[in-house]
Amino acid sequence: MERAATSGRVIPCLAVVTVIVTLGAAVFVEVFSPKSFSSFGDALWWAAQTVTTVGYGDVVPQTNGGRVVAVVVMVFGVAAVSLATAIVTSGFVARAQRVPNESDLADRSPVHESLARIEHRLERIEQRLRG
């Protein structure tokens, strides 16, 4: 998950998949519930508000086939929002947990510097004990 968050590729891919799902949902709802919307534009509006979990309720499919498409779009929308939130959160957590590198030493407090010296001494002791 950390690699996905830091690569920066997951969110654009998720956005593309969301656009594809939205367009597909509009097409499918026109096929399975042809009288629910007066135009393809209305079906597209419905799909966009459903996949983004806004769902005003001003336009809805009128047939069971259209409602099945709606359920799939709703589940995808909730999953997409959850995934995007998890990826962003994972990126923040991973960044906060990273071990500071040498350039971060200048920003350390005296306590951090002492701990770093102790850690370095322990590493040398362990190396002597091993070899």
Protein backbone atom coordinates (compact mmCIF):
# COMPACT_ATOMS: atom_id res chain seq x y z
CA MET A 1 0.00 0.00 0.00
CA GLU A 2 2.86 2.37 0.81
CA ARG A 3 4.42 1.82 -2.62
CA ALA A 4 1.06 2.47 -4.25
CA ALA A 5 0.63 5.66 -2.28
CA THR A 6 4.10 6.99 -2.96
CA SER A 7 4.23 6.02 -6.63
CA GLY A 8 1.53 8.53 -7.50
CA ARG A 9 0.04 6.21 -10.12
CA VAL A 10 -2.91 4.77 -8.25
CA ILE A 11 -5.02 7.93 -7.94
CA PRO A 12 -4.88 8.78 -11.69
CA CYS A 13 -5.70 5.15 -12.52
CA LEU A 14 -8.60 5.24 -10.08
CA ALA A 15 -9.84 8.46 -11.70
CA VAL A 16 -9.71 6.87 -15.18
CA VAL A 17 -11.54 3.76 -13.96
CA THR A 18 -14.16 5.99 -12.31
CA VAL A 19 -14.74 7.85 -15.59
CA ILE A 20 -15.04 4.52 -17.42
CA VAL A 21 -17.50 3.20 -14.81
CA THR A 22 -19.53 6.42 -15.06
CA LEU A 23 -19.74 6.26 -18.85
CA GLY A 24 -20.45 2.52 -18.75
CA ALA A 25 -23.17 2.98 -16.16
CA ALA A 26 -24.85 5.65 -18.28
CA VAL A 27 -24.78 3.34 -21.31
CA PHE A 28 -25.98 0.30 -19.31
CA VAL A 29 -28.80 2.19 -17.63
CA GLU A 30 -29.95 3.43 -21.04
CA VAL A 31 -29.98 -0.18 -22.25
CA PHE A 32 -31.55 -1.81 -19.17
CA SER A 33 -33.86 1.05 -18.22
CA PRO A 34 -34.50 2.98 -21.45
CA LYS A 35 -37.45 5.01 -20.21
CA SER A 36 -35.87 6.14 -16.94
CA PHE A 37 -34.09 9.17 -18.40
CA SER A 38 -35.16 11.56 -21.12
CA SER A 39 -31.68 11.75 -22.65
CA PHE A 40 -28.24 10.20 -22.48
CA GLY A 41 -27.10 13.41 -20.80
CA ASP A 42 -29.55 12.79 -17.95
CA ALA A 43 -28.31 9.21 -17.65
CA LEU A 44 -24.73 10.48 -17.55
CA TRP A 45 -25.67 13.04 -14.89
CA TRP A 46 -27.29 10.29 -12.82
CA ALA A 47 -24.22 8.04 -13.20
CA ALA A 48 -21.82 10.85 -12.22
CA GLN A 49 -23.74 11.80 -9.10
CA THR A 50 -24.16 8.13 -8.14
CA VAL A 51 -20.52 7.10 -8.61
CA THR A 52 -19.33 10.11 -6.61
CA THR A 53 -21.73 9.13 -3.80
CA VAL A 54 -23.53 12.48 -4.04
CA GLY A 55 -26.80 10.92 -5.18
CA TYR A 56 -29.24 13.83 -5.10
CA GLY A 57 -32.13 11.52 -5.92
CA ASP A 58 -33.56 13.95 -8.48
CA VAL A 59 -33.19 11.34 -11.22
CA VAL A 60 -33.29 7.58 -10.61
CA PRO A 61 -33.69 4.46 -12.75
CA GLN A 62 -37.28 3.24 -12.91
CA THR A 63 -36.75 -0.46 -13.73
CA ASN A 64 -35.16 -3.35 -11.89
CA GLY A 65 -32.41 -3.59 -14.51
CA GLY A 66 -31.57 0.07 -13.99
CA ARG A 67 -31.57 -0.40 -10.24
CA VAL A 68 -29.13 -3.32 -10.53
CA VAL A 69 -26.80 -1.03 -12.48
CA ALA A 70 -27.30 1.59 -9.77
CA VAL A 71 -26.31 -0.83 -7.01
CA VAL A 72 -23.10 -1.74 -8.84
CA VAL A 73 -22.28 1.94 -9.38
CA MET A 74 -22.99 2.77 -5.72
CA VAL A 75 -20.78 -0.06 -4.43
CA PHE A 76 -17.99 0.99 -6.79
CA GLY A 77 -18.33 4.64 -5.74
CA VAL A 78 -18.09 3.86 -2.03
CA ALA A 79 -15.15 1.52 -2.64
CA ALA A 80 -13.35 4.12 -4.78
CA VAL A 81 -13.75 6.85 -2.17
CA SER A 82 -12.56 4.45 0.55
CA LEU A 83 -9.57 3.34 -1.52
CA ALA A 84 -8.55 6.91 -2.33
CA THR A 85 -8.80 7.83 1.36
CA ALA A 86 -6.75 4.79 2.38
CA ILE A 87 -4.04 5.54 -0.18
CA VAL A 88 -3.68 9.16 0.86
CA THR A 89 -3.68 8.23 4.56
CA SER A 90 -1.13 5.49 3.94
CA GLY A 91 1.13 7.99 2.23
CA PHE A 92 0.98 10.36 5.20
CA VAL A 93 1.59 7.58 7.72
CA ALA A 94 4.50 6.16 5.71
CA ARG A 95 6.10 9.56 5.47
CA ALA A 96 5.74 10.14 9.20
CA GLN A 97 7.24 6.75 10.02
CA ARG A 98 10.28 6.98 7.76
CA VAL A 99 13.62 6.87 9.50
CA PRO A 100 15.24 10.27 9.15
CA ASN A 101 18.27 10.43 6.86
CA GLU A 102 21.53 12.29 7.44
CA SER A 103 20.16 15.59 6.13
CA ASP A 104 17.56 15.50 8.91
CA LEU A 105 20.25 15.41 11.61
CA ALA A 106 20.53 19.20 11.57
CA ASP A 107 16.88 19.46 12.61
CA ARG A 108 17.27 17.11 15.58
CA SER A 109 17.03 18.10 19.18
CA PRO A 110 19.84 17.24 21.64
CA VAL A 111 17.86 14.22 22.79
CA HIS A 112 17.63 12.90 19.24
CA GLU A 113 21.34 13.46 18.75
CA SER A 114 22.12 11.53 21.93
CA LEU A 115 19.89 8.67 20.86
CA ALA A 116 21.55 8.59 17.45
CA ARG A 117 25.03 8.39 19.07
CA ILE A 118 23.85 5.59 21.37
CA GLU A 119 22.36 3.69 18.44
CA HIS A 120 25.61 4.08 16.51
CA ARG A 121 27.65 2.80 19.48
CA LEU A 122 25.32 -0.19 19.87
CA GLU A 123 25.75 -1.04 16.20
CA ARG A 124 29.56 -0.99 16.59
CA ILE A 125 29.33 -3.21 19.70
CA GLU A 126 27.09 -5.68 17.87
CA GLN A 127 29.51 -5.79 14.94
CA ARG A 128 32.43 -6.56 17.30
CA LEU A 129 30.45 -9.31 18.98
CA ARG A 130 29.61 -10.92 15.64
CA GLY A 131 33.08 -10.87 14.19
